Amino acid sequence: MKSSTDDLILQELGHKITSLRLQKNWTQRDLSVQAGVSKSTLERLERGSSIQLAGFMRILRSLELLEAFRSLFPAETISPMTQVQLQRQQRQRASRSKAKIPQPWNWKE
């Protein structure tokens, strides 16, 4: 069962998408064609219903908001201990060759 908080967030997203679409003076049909989603999918989103994530991303891309969506997820950071361990594993120099250099063959009598 969805919580009312989820419903409120979906409604707010829907209102914002509607507002952004109208700022561009696009009809629902214009945006749905531009995004490659059905008009009913866009209607559901603007109404505050849930839609598939792929469709949501296509709509954001059409509204030039996909980068804003990506910024919600920070880049992975490596802990200082992991950085030290990785640096230890990186070679600093080549080791001496342990293989003997072959000597020219000669007759030993």
PDB file of N, CA and C in Angstrom:
ATOM      1  N   MET A   1       0.844  -1.182   0.000  1.00  0.00           N
ATOM      2  CA  MET A   1       0.000   0.000   0.000  1.00  0.00           C
ATOM      3  C   MET A   1       0.887   1.241   0.000  1.00  0.00           C
ATOM      4  N   LYS A   2       0.605   2.165  -0.909  1.00  0.00           N
ATOM      5  CA  LYS A   2       1.415   3.377  -0.992  1.00  0.00           C
ATOM      6  C   LYS A   2       1.050   4.334   0.139  1.00  0.00           C
ATOM      7  N   SER A   3       2.056   5.022   0.621  1.00  0.00           N
ATOM      8  CA  SER A   3       1.790   6.004   1.663  1.00  0.00           C
ATOM      9  C   SER A   3       1.332   7.302   1.020  1.00  0.00           C
ATOM     10  N   SER A   4       0.714   8.142   1.817  1.00  0.00           N
ATOM     11  CA  SER A   4       0.237   9.418   1.279  1.00  0.00           C
ATOM     12  C   SER A   4       1.409  10.296   0.858  1.00  0.00           C
ATOM     13  N   THR A   5       2.562  10.094   1.461  1.00  0.00           N
ATOM     14  CA  THR A   5       3.744  10.854   1.068  1.00  0.00           C
ATOM     15  C   THR A   5       4.120  10.547  -0.375  1.00  0.00           C
ATOM     16  N   ASP A   6       4.073   9.274  -0.757  1.00  0.00           N
ATOM     17  CA  ASP A   6       4.364   8.896  -2.143  1.00  0.00           C
ATOM     18  C   ASP A   6       3.373   9.557  -3.094  1.00  0.00           C
ATOM     19  N   ASP A   7       2.101   9.539  -2.720  1.00  0.00           N
ATOM     20  CA  ASP A   7       1.074  10.154  -3.561  1.00  0.00           C
ATOM     21  C   ASP A   7       1.320  11.653  -3.718  1.00  0.00           C
ATOM     22  N   LEU A   8       1.711  12.299  -2.637  1.00  0.00           N
ATOM     23  CA  LEU A   8       1.974  13.736  -2.706  1.00  0.00           C
ATOM     24  C   LEU A   8       3.168  14.043  -3.609  1.00  0.00           C
ATOM     25  N   ILE A   9       4.192  13.216  -3.513  1.00  0.00           N
ATOM     26  CA  ILE A   9       5.375  13.421  -4.354  1.00  0.00           C
ATOM     27  C   ILE A   9       5.009  13.232  -5.824  1.00  0.00           C
ATOM     28  N   LEU A  10       4.241  12.187  -6.123  1.00  0.00           N
ATOM     29  CA  LEU A  10       3.814  11.958  -7.508  1.00  0.00           C
ATOM     30  C   LEU A  10       2.963  13.120  -8.027  1.00  0.00           C
ATOM     31  N   GLN A  11       2.080  13.639  -7.195  1.00  0.00           N
ATOM     32  CA  GLN A  11       1.253  14.777  -7.611  1.00  0.00           C
ATOM     33  C   GLN A  11       2.114  16.013  -7.867  1.00  0.00           C
ATOM     34  N   GLU A  12       3.089  16.246  -7.000  1.00  0.00           N
ATOM     35  CA  GLU A  12       3.977  17.399  -7.180  1.00  0.00           C
ATOM     36  C   GLU A  12       4.800  17.255  -8.462  1.00  0.00           C
ATOM     37  N   LEU A  13       5.313  16.044  -8.702  1.00  0.00           N
ATOM     38  CA  LEU A  13       6.049  15.807  -9.951  1.00  0.00           C
ATOM     39  C   LEU A  13       5.155  16.076 -11.162  1.00  0.00           C
ATOM     40  N   GLY A  14       3.938  15.588 -11.091  1.00  0.00           N
ATOM     41  CA  GLY A  14       2.997  15.797 -12.186  1.00  0.00           C
ATOM     42  C   GLY A  14       2.745  17.267 -12.452  1.00  0.00           C
ATOM     43  N   HIS A  15       2.549  18.040 -11.381  1.00  0.00           N
ATOM     44  CA  HIS A  15       2.314  19.483 -11.538  1.00  0.00           C
ATOM     45  C   HIS A  15       3.536  20.178 -12.136  1.00  0.00           C
ATOM     46  N   LYS A  16       4.718  19.768 -11.705  1.00  0.00           N
ATOM     47  CA  LYS A  16       5.934  20.394 -12.226  1.00  0.00           C
ATOM     48  C   LYS A  16       6.138  20.056 -13.701  1.00  0.00           C
ATOM     49  N   ILE A  17       5.883  18.803 -14.088  1.00  0.00           N
ATOM     50  CA  ILE A  17       6.018  18.417 -15.488  1.00  0.00           C
ATOM     51  C   ILE A  17       5.016  19.211 -16.333  1.00  0.00           C
ATOM     52  N   THR A  18       3.793  19.341 -15.843  1.00  0.00           N
ATOM     53  CA  THR A  18       2.775  20.120 -16.558  1.00  0.00           C
ATOM     54  C   THR A  18       3.229  21.559 -16.722  1.00  0.00           C
ATOM     55  N   SER A  19       3.734  22.140 -15.653  1.00  0.00           N
ATOM     56  CA  SER A  19       4.187  23.528 -15.684  1.00  0.00           C
ATOM     57  C   SER A  19       5.330  23.717 -16.681  1.00  0.00           C
ATOM     58  N   LEU A  20       6.294  22.814 -16.652  1.00  0.00           N
ATOM     59  CA  LEU A  20       7.429  22.913 -17.577  1.00  0.00           C
ATOM     60  C   LEU A  20       6.988  22.734 -19.030  1.00  0.00           C
ATOM     61  N   ARG A  21       6.057  21.829 -19.249  1.00  0.00           N
ATOM     62  CA  ARG A  21       5.546  21.614 -20.602  1.00  0.00           C
ATOM     63  C   ARG A  21       4.843  22.872 -21.109  1.00  0.00           C
ATOM     64  N   LEU A  22       4.052  23.500 -20.255  1.00  0.00           N
ATOM     65  CA  LEU A  22       3.328  24.705 -20.661  1.00  0.00           C
ATOM     66  C   LEU A  22       4.267  25.893 -20.861  1.00  0.00           C
ATOM     67  N   GLN A  23       5.346  25.955 -20.103  1.00  0.00           N
ATOM     68  CA  GLN A  23       6.340  27.015 -20.305  1.00  0.00           C
ATOM     69  C   GLN A  23       6.940  26.932 -21.697  1.00  0.00           C
ATOM     70  N   LYS A  24       7.071  25.710 -22.205  1.00  0.00           N
ATOM     71  CA  LYS A  24       7.594  25.520 -23.560  1.00  0.00           C
ATOM     72  C   LYS A  24       6.491  25.641 -24.609  1.00  0.00           C
ATOM     73  N   ASN A  25       5.259  25.888 -24.140  1.00  0.00           N
ATOM     74  CA  ASN A  25       4.101  26.041 -25.016  1.00  0.00           C
ATOM     75  C   ASN A  25       3.864  24.768 -25.840  1.00  0.00           C
ATOM     76  N   TRP A  26       4.042  23.615 -25.192  1.00  0.00           N
ATOM     77  CA  TRP A  26       3.825  22.329 -25.837  1.00  0.00           C
ATOM     78  C   TRP A  26       2.506  21.733 -25.366  1.00  0.00           C
ATOM     79  N   THR A  27       1.828  21.071 -26.261  1.00  0.00           N
ATOM     80  CA  THR A  27       0.658  20.296 -25.878  1.00  0.00           C
ATOM     81  C   THR A  27       1.132  18.955 -25.332  1.00  0.00           C
ATOM     82  N   GLN A  28       0.213  18.222 -24.723  1.00  0.00           N
ATOM     83  CA  GLN A  28       0.571  16.887 -24.258  1.00  0.00           C
ATOM     84  C   GLN A  28       0.991  16.020 -25.441  1.00  0.00           C
ATOM     85  N   ARG A  29       0.328  16.177 -26.546  1.00  0.00           N
ATOM     86  CA  ARG A  29       0.679  15.409 -27.744  1.00  0.00           C
ATOM     87  C   ARG A  29       2.097  15.762 -28.188  1.00  0.00           C
ATOM     88  N   ASP A  30       2.453  17.074 -28.192  1.00  0.00           N
ATOM     89  CA  ASP A  30       3.808  17.492 -28.597  1.00  0.00           C
ATOM     90  C   ASP A  30       4.873  16.823 -27.742  1.00  0.00           C
ATOM     91  N   LEU A  31       4.694  16.888 -26.430  1.00  0.00           N
ATOM     92  CA  LEU A  31       5.695  16.322 -25.528  1.00  0.00           C
ATOM     93  C   LEU A  31       5.741  14.803 -25.637  1.00  0.00           C
ATOM     94  N   SER A  32       4.591  14.167 -25.752  1.00  0.00           N
ATOM     95  CA  SER A  32       4.595  12.707 -25.828  1.00  0.00           C
ATOM     96  C   SER A  32       5.288  12.232 -27.104  1.00  0.00           C
ATOM     97  N   VAL A  33       5.069  12.934 -28.214  1.00  0.00           N
ATOM     98  CA  VAL A  33       5.754  12.567 -29.464  1.00  0.00           C
ATOM     99  C   VAL A  33       7.247  12.820 -29.330  1.00  0.00           C
ATOM    100  N   GLN A  34       7.611  13.969 -28.786  1.00  0.00           N
ATOM    101  CA  GLN A  34       9.025  14.321 -28.597  1.00  0.00           C
ATOM    102  C   GLN A  34       9.722  13.297 -27.707  1.00  0.00           C
ATOM    103  N   ALA A  35       9.035  12.841 -26.660  1.00  0.00           N
ATOM    104  CA  ALA A  35       9.638  11.918 -25.694  1.00  0.00           C
ATOM    105  C   ALA A  35       9.551  10.459 -26.139  1.00  0.00           C
ATOM    106  N   GLY A  36       8.685  10.177 -27.077  1.00  0.00           N
ATOM    107  CA  GLY A  36       8.530   8.796 -27.515  1.00  0.00           C
ATOM    108  C   GLY A  36       7.721   7.951 -26.544  1.00  0.00           C
ATOM    109  N   VAL A  37       6.783   8.594 -25.852  1.00  0.00           N
ATOM    110  CA  VAL A  37       5.876   7.874 -24.955  1.00  0.00           C
ATOM    111  C   VAL A  37       4.451   8.128 -25.426  1.00  0.00           C
ATOM    112  N   SER A  38       3.526   7.324 -24.956  1.00  0.00           N
ATOM    113  CA  SER A  38       2.136   7.540 -25.353  1.00  0.00           C
ATOM    114  C   SER A  38       1.566   8.756 -24.617  1.00  0.00           C
ATOM    115  N   LYS A  39       0.548   9.339 -25.219  1.00  0.00           N
ATOM    116  CA  LYS A  39      -0.093  10.496 -24.609  1.00  0.00           C
ATOM    117  C   LYS A  39      -0.724  10.098 -23.277  1.00  0.00           C
ATOM    118  N   SER A  40      -1.253   8.886 -23.189  1.00  0.00           N
ATOM    119  CA  SER A  40      -1.863   8.438 -21.935  1.00  0.00           C
ATOM    120  C   SER A  40      -0.817   8.296 -20.819  1.00  0.00           C
ATOM    121  N   THR A  41       0.412   7.922 -21.179  1.00  0.00           N
ATOM    122  CA  THR A  41       1.487   7.854 -20.184  1.00  0.00           C
ATOM    123  C   THR A  41       1.762   9.238 -19.618  1.00  0.00           C
ATOM    124  N   LEU A  42       1.855  10.229 -20.499  1.00  0.00           N
ATOM    125  CA  LEU A  42       2.088  11.597 -20.053  1.00  0.00           C
ATOM    126  C   LEU A  42       0.911  12.100 -19.221  1.00  0.00           C
ATOM    127  N   GLU A  43      -0.295  11.772 -19.630  1.00  0.00           N
ATOM    128  CA  GLU A  43      -1.480  12.181 -18.864  1.00  0.00           C
ATOM    129  C   GLU A  43      -1.438  11.589 -17.456  1.00  0.00           C
ATOM    130  N   ARG A  44      -1.063  10.308 -17.355  1.00  0.00           N
ATOM    131  CA  ARG A  44      -0.972   9.671 -16.035  1.00  0.00           C
ATOM    132  C   ARG A  44       0.070  10.365 -15.164  1.00  0.00           C
ATOM    133  N   LEU A  45       1.218  10.682 -15.752  1.00  0.00           N
ATOM    134  CA  LEU A  45       2.264  11.364 -14.988  1.00  0.00           C
ATOM    135  C   LEU A  45       1.783  12.725 -14.507  1.00  0.00           C
ATOM    136  N   GLU A  46       1.175  13.488 -15.397  1.00  0.00           N
ATOM    137  CA  GLU A  46       0.715  14.829 -15.018  1.00  0.00           C
ATOM    138  C   GLU A  46      -0.425  14.770 -14.004  1.00  0.00           C
ATOM    139  N   ARG A  47      -1.162  13.678 -13.994  1.00  0.00           N
ATOM    140  CA  ARG A  47      -2.265  13.486 -13.053  1.00  0.00           C
ATOM    141  C   ARG A  47      -1.752  13.064 -11.678  1.00  0.00           C
ATOM    142  N   GLY A  48      -0.488  12.632 -11.626  1.00  0.00           N
ATOM    143  CA  GLY A  48       0.091  12.224 -10.345  1.00  0.00           C
ATOM    144  C   GLY A  48       0.101  10.731 -10.148  1.00  0.00           C
ATOM    145  N   SER A  49      -0.118   9.985 -11.219  1.00  0.00           N
ATOM    146  CA  SER A  49      -0.043   8.525 -11.136  1.00  0.00           C
ATOM    147  C   SER A  49       1.377   8.089 -11.482  1.00  0.00           C
ATOM    148  N   SER A  50       1.706   6.877 -11.096  1.00  0.00           N
ATOM    149  CA  SER A  50       3.057   6.399 -11.381  1.00  0.00           C
ATOM    150  C   SER A  50       3.139   5.875 -12.811  1.00  0.00           C
ATOM    151  N   ILE A  51       4.315   6.005 -13.403  1.00  0.00           N
ATOM    152  CA  ILE A  51       4.603   5.478 -14.732  1.00  0.00           C
ATOM    153  C   ILE A  51       5.940   4.759 -14.644  1.00  0.00           C
ATOM    154  N   GLN A  52       6.313   4.070 -15.704  1.00  0.00           N
ATOM    155  CA  GLN A  52       7.603   3.382 -15.706  1.00  0.00           C
ATOM    156  C   GLN A  52       8.739   4.396 -15.730  1.00  0.00           C
ATOM    157  N   LEU A  53       9.837   4.019 -15.108  1.00  0.00           N
ATOM    158  CA  LEU A  53      10.994   4.897 -15.004  1.00  0.00           C
ATOM    159  C   LEU A  53      11.550   5.274 -16.369  1.00  0.00           C
ATOM    160  N   ALA A  54      11.559   4.334 -17.316  1.00  0.00           N
ATOM    161  CA  ALA A  54      12.100   4.619 -18.649  1.00  0.00           C
ATOM    162  C   ALA A  54      11.304   5.729 -19.325  1.00  0.00           C
ATOM    163  N   GLY A  55       9.989   5.691 -19.194  1.00  0.00           N
ATOM    164  CA  GLY A  55       9.152   6.745 -19.768  1.00  0.00           C
ATOM    165  C   GLY A  55       9.389   8.082 -19.089  1.00  0.00           C
ATOM    166  N   PHE A  56       9.563   8.038 -17.775  1.00  0.00           N
ATOM    167  CA  PHE A  56       9.835   9.268 -17.016  1.00  0.00           C
ATOM    168  C   PHE A  56      11.148   9.902 -17.485  1.00  0.00           C
ATOM    169  N   MET A  57      12.176   9.063 -17.700  1.00  0.00           N
ATOM    170  CA  MET A  57      13.463   9.586 -18.154  1.00  0.00           C
ATOM    171  C   MET A  57      13.356  10.165 -19.565  1.00  0.00           C
ATOM    172  N   ARG A  58      12.565   9.539 -20.430  1.00  0.00           N
ATOM    173  CA  ARG A  58      12.385  10.081 -21.786  1.00  0.00           C
ATOM    174  C   ARG A  58      11.722  11.457 -21.733  1.00  0.00           C
ATOM    175  N   ILE A  59      10.743  11.603 -20.858  1.00  0.00           N
ATOM    176  CA  ILE A  59      10.063  12.892 -20.709  1.00  0.00           C
ATOM    177  C   ILE A  59      11.033  13.931 -20.169  1.00  0.00           C
ATOM    178  N   LEU A  60      11.824  13.553 -19.160  1.00  0.00           N
ATOM    179  CA  LEU A  60      12.817  14.483 -18.621  1.00  0.00           C
ATOM    180  C   LEU A  60      13.828  14.891 -19.684  1.00  0.00           C
ATOM    181  N   ARG A  61      14.251  13.940 -20.509  1.00  0.00           N
ATOM    182  CA  ARG A  61      15.211  14.240 -21.576  1.00  0.00           C
ATOM    183  C   ARG A  61      14.602  15.259 -22.555  1.00  0.00           C
ATOM    184  N   SER A  62      13.345  15.081 -22.899  1.00  0.00           N
ATOM    185  CA  SER A  62      12.682  15.999 -23.825  1.00  0.00           C
ATOM    186  C   SER A  62      12.545  17.394 -23.231  1.00  0.00           C
ATOM    187  N   LEU A  63      12.371  17.449 -21.921  1.00  0.00           N
ATOM    188  CA  LEU A  63      12.270  18.744 -21.245  1.00  0.00           C
ATOM    189  C   LEU A  63      13.641  19.290 -20.853  1.00  0.00           C
ATOM    190  N   GLU A  64      14.703  18.597 -21.281  1.00  0.00           N
ATOM    191  CA  GLU A  64      16.091  18.967 -20.985  1.00  0.00           C
ATOM    192  C   GLU A  64      16.359  18.992 -19.485  1.00  0.00           C
ATOM    193  N   LEU A  65      15.834  17.989 -18.792  1.00  0.00           N
ATOM    194  CA  LEU A  65      15.999  17.893 -17.341  1.00  0.00           C
ATOM    195  C   LEU A  65      16.695  16.615 -16.907  1.00  0.00           C
ATOM    196  N   LEU A  66      17.200  15.843 -17.843  1.00  0.00           N
ATOM    197  CA  LEU A  66      17.808  14.571 -17.479  1.00  0.00           C
ATOM    198  C   LEU A  66      19.062  14.760 -16.621  1.00  0.00           C
ATOM    199  N   GLU A  67      19.837  15.801 -16.890  1.00  0.00           N
ATOM    200  CA  GLU A  67      21.032  16.062 -16.072  1.00  0.00           C
ATOM    201  C   GLU A  67      20.656  16.394 -14.635  1.00  0.00           C
ATOM    202  N   ALA A  68      19.549  17.104 -14.456  1.00  0.00           N
ATOM    203  CA  ALA A  68      19.086  17.409 -13.097  1.00  0.00           C
ATOM    204  C   ALA A  68      18.711  16.117 -12.378  1.00  0.00           C
ATOM    205  N   PHE A  69      18.124  15.187 -13.101  1.00  0.00           N
ATOM    206  CA  PHE A  69      17.772  13.886 -12.532  1.00  0.00           C
ATOM    207  C   PHE A  69      19.027  13.119 -12.141  1.00  0.00           C
ATOM    208  N   ARG A  70      20.032  13.151 -12.993  1.00  0.00           N
ATOM    209  CA  ARG A  70      21.294  12.459 -12.692  1.00  0.00           C
ATOM    210  C   ARG A  70      21.980  13.040 -11.474  1.00  0.00           C
ATOM    211  N   SER A  71      21.816  14.330 -11.249  1.00  0.00           N
ATOM    212  CA  SER A  71      22.485  14.961 -10.112  1.00  0.00           C
ATOM    213  C   SER A  71      21.914  14.498  -8.772  1.00  0.00           C
ATOM    214  N   LEU A  72      20.788  13.807  -8.802  1.00  0.00           N
ATOM    215  CA  LEU A  72      20.229  13.267  -7.560  1.00  0.00           C
ATOM    216  C   LEU A  72      21.093  12.153  -6.993  1.00  0.00           C
ATOM    217  N   PHE A  73      21.914  11.547  -7.862  1.00  0.00           N
ATOM    218  CA  PHE A  73      22.730  10.411  -7.451  1.00  0.00           C
ATOM    219  C   PHE A  73      24.196  10.808  -7.502  1.00  0.00           C
ATOM    220  N   PRO A  74      24.804  11.061  -6.340  1.00  0.00           N
ATOM    221  CA  PRO A  74      26.206  11.500  -6.335  1.00  0.00           C
ATOM    222  C   PRO A  74      27.132  10.412  -6.865  1.00  0.00           C
ATOM    223  N   ALA A  75      28.246  10.869  -7.394  1.00  0.00           N
ATOM    224  CA  ALA A  75      29.252   9.936  -7.901  1.00  0.00           C
ATOM    225  C   ALA A  75      29.793   9.109  -6.736  1.00  0.00           C
ATOM    226  N   GLU A  76      30.166   7.884  -7.037  1.00  0.00           N
ATOM    227  CA  GLU A  76      30.715   7.029  -5.995  1.00  0.00           C
ATOM    228  C   GLU A  76      32.043   7.588  -5.510  1.00  0.00           C
ATOM    229  N   THR A  77      32.234   7.536  -4.212  1.00  0.00           N
ATOM    230  CA  THR A  77      33.497   7.973  -3.641  1.00  0.00           C
ATOM    231  C   THR A  77      34.204   6.760  -3.050  1.00  0.00           C
ATOM    232  N   ILE A  78      35.496   6.821  -3.090  1.00  0.00           N
ATOM    233  CA  ILE A  78      36.306   5.732  -2.548  1.00  0.00           C
ATOM    234  C   ILE A  78      36.803   6.162  -1.184  1.00  0.00           C
ATOM    235  N   SER A  79      36.677   5.286  -0.225  1.00  0.00           N
ATOM    236  CA  SER A  79      37.121   5.607   1.129  1.00  0.00           C
ATOM    237  C   SER A  79      38.636   5.771   1.140  1.00  0.00           C
ATOM    238  N   PRO A  80      39.163   6.571   2.075  1.00  0.00           N
ATOM    239  CA  PRO A  80      40.612   6.762   2.155  1.00  0.00           C
ATOM    240  C   PRO A  80      41.374   5.454   2.333  1.00  0.00           C
ATOM    241  N   MET A  81      40.834   4.515   3.091  1.00  0.00           N
ATOM    242  CA  MET A  81      41.518   3.236   3.297  1.00  0.00           C
ATOM    243  C   MET A  81      41.590   2.448   1.989  1.00  0.00           C
ATOM    244  N   THR A  82      40.527   2.488   1.213  1.00  0.00           N
ATOM    245  CA  THR A  82      40.528   1.787  -0.065  1.00  0.00           C
ATOM    246  C   THR A  82      41.528   2.425  -1.017  1.00  0.00           C
ATOM    247  N   GLN A  83      41.633   3.750  -0.989  1.00  0.00           N
ATOM    248  CA  GLN A  83      42.607   4.440  -1.834  1.00  0.00           C
ATOM    249  C   GLN A  83      44.024   4.007  -1.481  1.00  0.00           C
ATOM    250  N   VAL A  84      44.325   3.913  -0.191  1.00  0.00           N
ATOM    251  CA  VAL A  84      45.658   3.484   0.236  1.00  0.00           C
ATOM    252  C   VAL A  84      45.923   2.060  -0.238  1.00  0.00           C
ATOM    253  N   GLN A  85      44.944   1.179  -0.101  1.00  0.00           N
ATOM    254  CA  GLN A  85      45.119  -0.206  -0.539  1.00  0.00           C
ATOM    255  C   GLN A  85      45.333  -0.283  -2.042  1.00  0.00           C
ATOM    256  N   LEU A  86      44.624   0.521  -2.790  1.00  0.00           N
ATOM    257  CA  LEU A  86      44.794   0.522  -4.247  1.00  0.00           C
ATOM    258  C   LEU A  86      46.168   1.046  -4.640  1.00  0.00           C
ATOM    259  N   GLN A  87      46.648   2.055  -3.920  1.00  0.00           N
ATOM    260  CA  GLN A  87      47.969   2.603  -4.223  1.00  0.00           C
ATOM    261  C   GLN A  87      49.056   1.580  -3.923  1.00  0.00           C
ATOM    262  N   ARG A  88      48.880   0.778  -2.885  1.00  0.00           N
ATOM    263  CA  ARG A  88      49.865  -0.249  -2.562  1.00  0.00           C
ATOM    264  C   ARG A  88      49.948  -1.290  -3.672  1.00  0.00           C
ATOM    265  N   GLN A  89      48.842  -1.554  -4.298  1.00  0.00           N
ATOM    266  CA  GLN A  89      48.800  -2.579  -5.321  1.00  0.00           C
ATOM    267  C   GLN A  89      49.395  -2.114  -6.648  1.00  0.00           C
ATOM    268  N   GLN A  90      49.508  -0.813  -6.856  1.00  0.00           N
ATOM    269  CA  GLN A  90      50.047  -0.308  -8.105  1.00  0.00           C
ATOM    270  C   GLN A  90      51.566  -0.405  -8.075  1.00  0.00           C
ATOM    271  N   ARG A  91      52.123  -0.896  -9.163  1.00  0.00           N
ATOM    272  CA  ARG A  91      53.580  -1.039  -9.252  1.00  0.00           C
ATOM    273  C   ARG A  91      54.202   0.338  -9.408  1.00  0.00           C
ATOM    274  N   GLN A  92      55.293   0.531  -8.732  1.00  0.00           N
ATOM    275  CA  GLN A  92      56.023   1.791  -8.809  1.00  0.00           C
ATOM    276  C   GLN A  92      57.186   1.706  -9.781  1.00  0.00           C
ATOM    277  N   ARG A  93      57.737   0.495  -9.952  1.00  0.00           N
ATOM    278  CA  ARG A  93      58.868   0.310 -10.863  1.00  0.00           C
ATOM    279  C   ARG A  93      58.915  -1.139 -11.300  1.00  0.00           C
ATOM    280  N   ALA A  94      59.679  -1.374 -12.329  1.00  0.00           N
ATOM    281  CA  ALA A  94      59.845  -2.739 -12.836  1.00  0.00           C
ATOM    282  C   ALA A  94      60.850  -3.473 -11.967  1.00  0.00           C
ATOM    283  N   SER A  95      60.623  -4.754 -11.774  1.00  0.00           N
ATOM    284  CA  SER A  95      61.570  -5.545 -10.986  1.00  0.00           C
ATOM    285  C   SER A  95      62.716  -6.005 -11.884  1.00  0.00           C
ATOM    286  N   ARG A  96      63.809  -6.370 -11.236  1.00  0.00           N
ATOM    287  CA  ARG A  96      64.943  -6.871 -12.000  1.00  0.00           C
ATOM    288  C   ARG A  96      64.590  -8.200 -12.626  1.00  0.00           C
ATOM    289  N   SER A  97      65.151  -8.403 -13.749  1.00  0.00           N
ATOM    290  CA  SER A  97      64.887  -9.656 -14.446  1.00  0.00           C
ATOM    291  C   SER A  97      65.611 -10.785 -13.736  1.00  0.00           C
ATOM    292  N   LYS A  98      64.911 -11.842 -13.433  1.00  0.00           N
ATOM    293  CA  LYS A  98      65.502 -12.987 -12.758  1.00  0.00           C
ATOM    294  C   LYS A  98      65.973 -14.030 -13.763  1.00  0.00           C
ATOM    295  N   ALA A  99      65.545 -13.890 -14.956  1.00  0.00           N
ATOM    296  CA  ALA A  99      65.958 -14.837 -15.996  1.00  0.00           C
ATOM    297  C   ALA A  99      67.387 -14.526 -16.405  1.00  0.00           C
ATOM    298  N   LYS A 100      68.161 -15.591 -16.590  1.00  0.00           N
ATOM    299  CA  LYS A 100      69.543 -15.397 -17.010  1.00  0.00           C
ATOM    300  C   LYS A 100      69.571 -15.120 -18.499  1.00  0.00           C
ATOM    301  N   ILE A 101      70.451 -14.241 -18.870  1.00  0.00           N
ATOM    302  CA  ILE A 101      70.628 -13.940 -20.283  1.00  0.00           C
ATOM    303  C   ILE A 101      71.411 -15.081 -20.897  1.00  0.00           C
ATOM    304  N   PRO A 102      70.887 -15.687 -21.952  1.00  0.00           N
ATOM    305  CA  PRO A 102      71.589 -16.847 -22.530  1.00  0.00           C
ATOM    306  C   PRO A 102      72.963 -16.436 -23.080  1.00  0.00           C
ATOM    307  N   GLN A 103      73.950 -17.277 -22.789  1.00  0.00           N
ATOM    308  CA  GLN A 103      75.310 -17.060 -23.284  1.00  0.00           C
ATOM    309  C   GLN A 103      75.439 -17.766 -24.634  1.00  0.00           C
ATOM    310  N   PRO A 104      76.281 -17.248 -25.489  1.00  0.00           N
ATOM    311  CA  PRO A 104      76.470 -17.936 -26.768  1.00  0.00           C
ATOM    312  C   PRO A 104      77.034 -19.332 -26.528  1.00  0.00           C
ATOM    313  N   TRP A 105      76.621 -20.279 -27.345  1.00  0.00           N
ATOM    314  CA  TRP A 105      77.041 -21.662 -27.191  1.00  0.00           C
ATOM    315  C   TRP A 105      78.457 -21.831 -27.674  1.00  0.00           C
ATOM    316  N   ASN A 106      79.236 -22.600 -26.986  1.00  0.00           N
ATOM    317  CA  ASN A 106      80.594 -22.904 -27.453  1.00  0.00           C
ATOM    318  C   ASN A 106      80.940 -24.339 -27.105  1.00  0.00           C
ATOM    319  N   TRP A 107      81.968 -24.861 -27.803  1.00  0.00           N
ATOM    320  CA  TRP A 107      82.408 -26.234 -27.565  1.00  0.00           C
ATOM    321  C   TRP A 107      83.292 -26.263 -26.339  1.00  0.00           C
ATOM    322  N   LYS A 108      82.933 -27.108 -25.446  1.00  0.00           N
ATOM    323  CA  LYS A 108      83.798 -27.262 -24.275  1.00  0.00           C
ATOM    324  C   LYS A 108      84.501 -28.597 -24.416  1.00  0.00           C
ATOM    325  N   GLU A 109      85.795 -28.527 -24.427  1.00  0.00           N
ATOM    326  CA  GLU A 109      86.541 -29.778 -24.577  1.00  0.00           C
ATOM    327  C   GLU A 109      87.350 -30.061 -23.379  1.00  0.00           C
TER     328      GLU A 109
END
